Amino acid sequence: PVYVGSHLDTQPTGGKYDGVLGVLGGLEL
């Protein structure tokens, strides 16, 4: 397989995109 992805966990005061964009961008693919 070709893998894509990142992470869904955040910092205690994290943003909405760090890591999440990579996971959901992969889902959008």
PDB file of all heavy atoms in Angstrom:
ATOM      1  N   PRO A   1       0.802  -1.215   0.000  1.00  0.00           N
ATOM      2  CA  PRO A   1       0.000   0.000   0.000  1.00  0.00           C
ATOM      3  C   PRO A   1       0.844   1.279   0.000  1.00  0.00           C
ATOM      4  O   PRO A   1       1.971   1.305   0.499  1.00  0.00           O
ATOM      5  CB  PRO A   1      -0.802  -0.103   1.305  1.00  0.00           C
ATOM      6  CG  PRO A   1      -0.739  -1.544   1.697  1.00  0.00           C
ATOM      7  CD  PRO A   1       0.581  -2.035   1.211  1.00  0.00           C
ATOM      8  N   VAL A   2       0.252   2.330  -0.556  1.00  0.00           N
ATOM      9  CA  VAL A   2       0.755   3.684  -0.412  1.00  0.00           C
ATOM     10  C   VAL A   2       0.009   4.312   0.763  1.00  0.00           C
ATOM     11  O   VAL A   2      -1.222   4.364   0.768  1.00  0.00           O
ATOM     12  CB  VAL A   2       0.535   4.513  -1.692  1.00  0.00           C
ATOM     13  CG1 VAL A   2       0.973   5.968  -1.469  1.00  0.00           C
ATOM     14  CG2 VAL A   2       1.304   3.898  -2.855  1.00  0.00           C
ATOM     15  N   TYR A   3       0.762   4.781   1.752  1.00  0.00           N
ATOM     16  CA  TYR A   3       0.175   5.331   2.967  1.00  0.00           C
ATOM     17  C   TYR A   3       0.208   6.860   2.943  1.00  0.00           C
ATOM     18  O   TYR A   3       1.153   7.465   2.434  1.00  0.00           O
ATOM     19  CB  TYR A   3       0.937   4.838   4.204  1.00  0.00           C
ATOM     20  CG  TYR A   3       0.647   3.396   4.572  1.00  0.00           C
ATOM     21  CD1 TYR A   3       1.119   2.344   3.796  1.00  0.00           C
ATOM     22  CD2 TYR A   3      -0.090   3.087   5.705  1.00  0.00           C
ATOM     23  CE1 TYR A   3       0.858   1.028   4.130  1.00  0.00           C
ATOM     24  CE2 TYR A   3      -0.356   1.774   6.057  1.00  0.00           C
ATOM     25  CZ  TYR A   3       0.116   0.748   5.260  1.00  0.00           C
ATOM     26  OH  TYR A   3      -0.152  -0.556   5.608  1.00  0.00           O
ATOM     27  N   VAL A   4      -0.829   7.451   3.501  1.00  0.00           N
ATOM     28  CA  VAL A   4      -0.884   8.888   3.743  1.00  0.00           C
ATOM     29  C   VAL A   4      -1.392   9.084   5.161  1.00  0.00           C
ATOM     30  O   VAL A   4      -2.011   8.189   5.739  1.00  0.00           O
ATOM     31  CB  VAL A   4      -1.799   9.628   2.756  1.00  0.00           C
ATOM     32  CG1 VAL A   4      -1.290   9.497   1.342  1.00  0.00           C
ATOM     33  CG2 VAL A   4      -3.246   9.118   2.844  1.00  0.00           C
ATOM     34  N   GLY A   5      -1.157  10.258   5.722  1.00  0.00           N
ATOM     35  CA  GLY A   5      -1.731  10.513   7.036  1.00  0.00           C
ATOM     36  C   GLY A   5      -0.889  11.404   7.908  1.00  0.00           C
ATOM     37  O   GLY A   5       0.164  11.911   7.503  1.00  0.00           O
ATOM     38  N   SER A   6      -1.371  11.582   9.133  1.00  0.00           N
ATOM     39  CA  SER A   6      -0.708  12.420  10.128  1.00  0.00           C
ATOM     40  C   SER A   6      -1.330  12.065  11.476  1.00  0.00           C
ATOM     41  O   SER A   6      -1.374  10.887  11.827  1.00  0.00           O
ATOM     42  CB  SER A   6      -0.879  13.900   9.764  1.00  0.00           C
ATOM     43  OG  SER A   6      -0.026  14.728  10.528  1.00  0.00           O
ATOM     44  N   HIS A   7      -1.844  13.035  12.220  1.00  0.00           N
ATOM     45  CA  HIS A   7      -2.358  12.751  13.567  1.00  0.00           C
ATOM     46  C   HIS A   7      -3.568  13.612  13.890  1.00  0.00           C
ATOM     47  O   HIS A   7      -3.710  14.724  13.378  1.00  0.00           O
ATOM     48  CB  HIS A   7      -1.263  12.982  14.616  1.00  0.00           C
ATOM     49  CG  HIS A   7      -0.751  14.397  14.644  1.00  0.00           C
ATOM     50  ND1 HIS A   7      -1.222  15.347  15.546  1.00  0.00           N
ATOM     51  CD2 HIS A   7       0.182  15.026  13.889  1.00  0.00           C
ATOM     52  CE1 HIS A   7      -0.585  16.497  15.326  1.00  0.00           C
ATOM     53  NE2 HIS A   7       0.266  16.329  14.336  1.00  0.00           N
ATOM     54  N   LEU A   8      -4.421  13.098  14.780  1.00  0.00           N
ATOM     55  CA  LEU A   8      -5.612  13.810  15.222  1.00  0.00           C
ATOM     56  C   LEU A   8      -5.466  14.417  16.606  1.00  0.00           C
ATOM     57  O   LEU A   8      -6.320  15.214  17.021  1.00  0.00           O
ATOM     58  CB  LEU A   8      -6.837  12.877  15.210  1.00  0.00           C
ATOM     59  CG  LEU A   8      -7.327  12.400  13.836  1.00  0.00           C
ATOM     60  CD1 LEU A   8      -8.452  11.379  13.997  1.00  0.00           C
ATOM     61  CD2 LEU A   8      -7.793  13.572  12.976  1.00  0.00           C
ATOM     62  N   ASP A   9      -4.444  14.021  17.366  1.00  0.00           N
ATOM     63  CA  ASP A   9      -4.265  14.609  18.692  1.00  0.00           C
ATOM     64  C   ASP A   9      -3.742  16.036  18.577  1.00  0.00           C
ATOM     65  O   ASP A   9      -3.115  16.413  17.577  1.00  0.00           O
ATOM     66  CB  ASP A   9      -3.344  13.750  19.561  1.00  0.00           C
ATOM     67  CG  ASP A   9      -1.894  13.732  19.101  1.00  0.00           C
ATOM     68  OD1 ASP A   9      -1.657  13.553  17.889  1.00  0.00           O
ATOM     69  OD2 ASP A   9      -0.982  13.887  19.960  1.00  0.00           O
ATOM     70  N   THR A  10      -3.996  16.845  19.602  1.00  0.00           N
ATOM     71  CA  THR A  10      -3.606  18.248  19.586  1.00  0.00           C
ATOM     72  C   THR A  10      -2.835  18.617  20.847  1.00  0.00           C
ATOM     73  O   THR A  10      -2.783  17.862  21.817  1.00  0.00           O
ATOM     74  CB  THR A  10      -4.833  19.187  19.487  1.00  0.00           C
ATOM     75  OG1 THR A  10      -5.493  19.257  20.771  1.00  0.00           O
ATOM     76  CG2 THR A  10      -5.818  18.714  18.435  1.00  0.00           C
ATOM     77  N   GLN A  11      -2.297  19.821  20.820  1.00  0.00           N
ATOM     78  CA  GLN A  11      -1.746  20.439  22.019  1.00  0.00           C
ATOM     79  C   GLN A  11      -2.888  20.821  22.970  1.00  0.00           C
ATOM     80  O   GLN A  11      -4.050  20.882  22.565  1.00  0.00           O
ATOM     81  CB  GLN A  11      -0.961  21.698  21.644  1.00  0.00           C
ATOM     82  CG  GLN A  11       0.317  21.440  20.859  1.00  0.00           C
ATOM     83  CD  GLN A  11       1.438  20.921  21.731  1.00  0.00           C
ATOM     84  OE1 GLN A  11       1.565  21.308  22.903  1.00  0.00           O
ATOM     85  NE2 GLN A  11       2.257  20.026  21.193  1.00  0.00           N
ATOM     86  N   PRO A  12      -2.585  21.106  24.249  1.00  0.00           N
ATOM     87  CA  PRO A  12      -3.644  21.565  25.159  1.00  0.00           C
ATOM     88  C   PRO A  12      -4.319  22.840  24.658  1.00  0.00           C
ATOM     89  O   PRO A  12      -5.521  23.034  24.878  1.00  0.00           O
ATOM     90  CB  PRO A  12      -2.905  21.802  26.477  1.00  0.00           C
ATOM     91  CG  PRO A  12      -1.661  20.969  26.381  1.00  0.00           C
ATOM     92  CD  PRO A  12      -1.286  20.949  24.938  1.00  0.00           C
ATOM     93  N   THR A  13      -3.566  23.695  24.008  1.00  0.00           N
ATOM     94  CA  THR A  13      -4.101  24.888  23.361  1.00  0.00           C
ATOM     95  C   THR A  13      -3.716  24.817  21.882  1.00  0.00           C
ATOM     96  O   THR A  13      -2.984  25.663  21.377  1.00  0.00           O
ATOM     97  CB  THR A  13      -3.572  26.186  24.009  1.00  0.00           C
ATOM     98  OG1 THR A  13      -2.121  26.150  24.040  1.00  0.00           O
ATOM     99  CG2 THR A  13      -4.089  26.330  25.430  1.00  0.00           C
ATOM    100  N   GLY A  14      -4.230  23.811  21.209  1.00  0.00           N
ATOM    101  CA  GLY A  14      -3.850  23.549  19.831  1.00  0.00           C
ATOM    102  C   GLY A  14      -4.811  24.154  18.829  1.00  0.00           C
ATOM    103  O   GLY A  14      -5.896  24.640  19.160  1.00  0.00           O
ATOM    104  N   GLY A  15      -4.396  24.099  17.562  1.00  0.00           N
ATOM    105  CA  GLY A  15      -5.222  24.607  16.487  1.00  0.00           C
ATOM    106  C   GLY A  15      -6.052  23.511  15.838  1.00  0.00           C
ATOM    107  O   GLY A  15      -5.978  22.336  16.198  1.00  0.00           O
ATOM    108  N   LYS A  16      -6.829  23.911  14.825  1.00  0.00           N
ATOM    109  CA  LYS A  16      -7.744  23.001  14.158  1.00  0.00           C
ATOM    110  C   LYS A  16      -7.111  22.256  12.982  1.00  0.00           C
ATOM    111  O   LYS A  16      -7.760  21.395  12.372  1.00  0.00           O
ATOM    112  CB  LYS A  16      -8.966  23.773  13.640  1.00  0.00           C
ATOM    113  CG  LYS A  16      -9.795  24.446  14.725  1.00  0.00           C
ATOM    114  CD  LYS A  16     -11.083  25.037  14.205  1.00  0.00           C
ATOM    115  CE  LYS A  16     -10.870  26.273  13.357  1.00  0.00           C
ATOM    116  NZ  LYS A  16     -10.477  27.458  14.171  1.00  0.00           N
ATOM    117  N   TYR A  17      -5.844  22.556  12.661  1.00  0.00           N
ATOM    118  CA  TYR A  17      -5.272  22.062  11.415  1.00  0.00           C
ATOM    119  C   TYR A  17      -3.993  21.243  11.597  1.00  0.00           C
ATOM    120  O   TYR A  17      -3.688  20.395  10.763  1.00  0.00           O
ATOM    121  CB  TYR A  17      -4.997  23.245  10.476  1.00  0.00           C
ATOM    122  CG  TYR A  17      -6.172  24.179  10.375  1.00  0.00           C
ATOM    123  CD1 TYR A  17      -6.228  25.363  11.114  1.00  0.00           C
ATOM    124  CD2 TYR A  17      -7.258  23.865   9.571  1.00  0.00           C
ATOM    125  CE1 TYR A  17      -7.309  26.217  11.037  1.00  0.00           C
ATOM    126  CE2 TYR A  17      -8.357  24.707   9.493  1.00  0.00           C
ATOM    127  CZ  TYR A  17      -8.381  25.881  10.234  1.00  0.00           C
ATOM    128  OH  TYR A  17      -9.459  26.717  10.168  1.00  0.00           O
ATOM    129  N   ASP A  18      -3.240  21.510  12.619  1.00  0.00           N
ATOM    130  CA  ASP A  18      -1.986  20.811  12.891  1.00  0.00           C
ATOM    131  C   ASP A  18      -2.250  19.314  13.005  1.00  0.00           C
ATOM    132  O   ASP A  18      -2.906  18.861  13.938  1.00  0.00           O
ATOM    133  CB  ASP A  18      -1.376  21.365  14.184  1.00  0.00           C
ATOM    134  CG  ASP A  18      -0.140  20.616  14.661  1.00  0.00           C
ATOM    135  OD1 ASP A  18       0.354  19.713  13.956  1.00  0.00           O
ATOM    136  OD2 ASP A  18       0.342  20.943  15.768  1.00  0.00           O
ATOM    137  N   GLY A  19      -1.742  18.541  12.044  1.00  0.00           N
ATOM    138  CA  GLY A  19      -1.971  17.099  12.037  1.00  0.00           C
ATOM    139  C   GLY A  19      -3.294  16.716  11.415  1.00  0.00           C
ATOM    140  O   GLY A  19      -3.365  15.824  10.564  1.00  0.00           O
ATOM    141  N   VAL A  20      -4.365  17.398  11.822  1.00  0.00           N
ATOM    142  CA  VAL A  20      -5.712  17.038  11.378  1.00  0.00           C
ATOM    143  C   VAL A  20      -5.841  17.184   9.869  1.00  0.00           C
ATOM    144  O   VAL A  20      -6.482  16.361   9.201  1.00  0.00           O
ATOM    145  CB  VAL A  20      -6.769  17.899  12.100  1.00  0.00           C
ATOM    146  CG1 VAL A  20      -8.173  17.424  11.740  1.00  0.00           C
ATOM    147  CG2 VAL A  20      -6.562  17.830  13.612  1.00  0.00           C
ATOM    148  N   LEU A  21      -5.232  18.233   9.300  1.00  0.00           N
ATOM    149  CA  LEU A  21      -5.287  18.426   7.857  1.00  0.00           C
ATOM    150  C   LEU A  21      -4.712  17.218   7.122  1.00  0.00           C
ATOM    151  O   LEU A  21      -5.249  16.799   6.096  1.00  0.00           O
ATOM    152  CB  LEU A  21      -4.539  19.697   7.458  1.00  0.00           C
ATOM    153  CG  LEU A  21      -4.452  19.963   5.943  1.00  0.00           C
ATOM    154  CD1 LEU A  21      -5.842  20.181   5.350  1.00  0.00           C
ATOM    155  CD2 LEU A  21      -3.549  21.158   5.660  1.00  0.00           C
ATOM    156  N   GLY A  22      -3.633  16.647   7.643  1.00  0.00           N
ATOM    157  CA  GLY A  22      -3.016  15.504   6.993  1.00  0.00           C
ATOM    158  C   GLY A  22      -3.881  14.257   7.023  1.00  0.00           C
ATOM    159  O   GLY A  22      -3.915  13.479   6.060  1.00  0.00           O
ATOM    160  N   VAL A  23      -4.605  14.049   8.130  1.00  0.00           N
ATOM    161  CA  VAL A  23      -5.489  12.885   8.245  1.00  0.00           C
ATOM    162  C   VAL A  23      -6.726  13.067   7.376  1.00  0.00           C
ATOM    163  O   VAL A  23      -7.077  12.202   6.565  1.00  0.00           O
ATOM    164  CB  VAL A  23      -5.891  12.636   9.707  1.00  0.00           C
ATOM    165  CG1 VAL A  23      -6.857  11.456   9.806  1.00  0.00           C
ATOM    166  CG2 VAL A  23      -4.657  12.373  10.570  1.00  0.00           C
ATOM    167  N   LEU A  24      -7.394  14.197   7.519  1.00  0.00           N
ATOM    168  CA  LEU A  24      -8.634  14.415   6.776  1.00  0.00           C
ATOM    169  C   LEU A  24      -8.366  14.743   5.311  1.00  0.00           C
ATOM    170  O   LEU A  24      -9.216  14.478   4.455  1.00  0.00           O
ATOM    171  CB  LEU A  24      -9.463  15.509   7.447  1.00  0.00           C
ATOM    172  CG  LEU A  24      -9.864  15.195   8.895  1.00  0.00           C
ATOM    173  CD1 LEU A  24     -10.840  16.243   9.416  1.00  0.00           C
ATOM    174  CD2 LEU A  24     -10.462  13.801   9.024  1.00  0.00           C
ATOM    175  N   GLY A  25      -7.200  15.304   5.014  1.00  0.00           N
ATOM    176  CA  GLY A  25      -6.795  15.449   3.624  1.00  0.00           C
ATOM    177  C   GLY A  25      -6.626  14.090   2.967  1.00  0.00           C
ATOM    178  O   GLY A  25      -6.994  13.881   1.809  1.00  0.00           O
ATOM    179  N   GLY A  26      -6.079  13.126   3.721  1.00  0.00           N
ATOM    180  CA  GLY A  26      -5.979  11.759   3.228  1.00  0.00           C
ATOM    181  C   GLY A  26      -7.346  11.135   2.992  1.00  0.00           C
ATOM    182  O   GLY A  26      -7.585  10.462   1.986  1.00  0.00           O
ATOM    183  N   LEU A  27      -8.277  11.365   3.926  1.00  0.00           N
ATOM    184  CA  LEU A  27      -9.646  10.878   3.750  1.00  0.00           C
ATOM    185  C   LEU A  27     -10.293  11.487   2.511  1.00  0.00           C
ATOM    186  O   LEU A  27     -10.980  10.789   1.750  1.00  0.00           O
ATOM    187  CB  LEU A  27     -10.476  11.204   4.993  1.00  0.00           C
ATOM    188  CG  LEU A  27     -11.982  10.948   4.914  1.00  0.00           C
ATOM    189  CD1 LEU A  27     -12.274   9.468   4.686  1.00  0.00           C
ATOM    190  CD2 LEU A  27     -12.680  11.464   6.173  1.00  0.00           C
ATOM    191  N   GLU A  28     -10.055  12.768   2.281  1.00  0.00           N
ATOM    192  CA  GLU A  28     -10.615  13.423   1.103  1.00  0.00           C
ATOM    193  C   GLU A  28     -10.070  12.800  -0.185  1.00  0.00           C
ATOM    194  O   GLU A  28     -10.794  12.711  -1.184  1.00  0.00           O
ATOM    195  CB  GLU A  28     -10.327  14.934   1.143  1.00  0.00           C
ATOM    196  CG  GLU A  28     -10.817  15.702  -0.077  1.00  0.00           C
ATOM    197  CD  GLU A  28     -12.306  15.533  -0.348  1.00  0.00           C
ATOM    198  OE1 GLU A  28     -13.078  15.363   0.618  1.00  0.00           O
ATOM    199  OE2 GLU A  28     -12.693  15.574  -1.544  1.00  0.00           O
ATOM    200  N   LEU A  29      -8.827  12.349  -0.174  1.00  0.00           N
ATOM    201  CA  LEU A  29      -8.291  11.634  -1.323  1.00  0.00           C
ATOM    202  C   LEU A  29      -9.154  10.415  -1.653  1.00  0.00           C
ATOM    203  O   LEU A  29      -9.526  10.192  -2.812  1.00  0.00           O
ATOM    204  CB  LEU A  29      -6.859  11.160  -1.040  1.00  0.00           C
ATOM    205  CG  LEU A  29      -5.696  11.990  -1.538  1.00  0.00           C
ATOM    206  CD1 LEU A  29      -5.745  13.367  -0.904  1.00  0.00           C
ATOM    207  CD2 LEU A  29      -4.376  11.302  -1.198  1.00  0.00           C
TER     208      LEU A  29
END
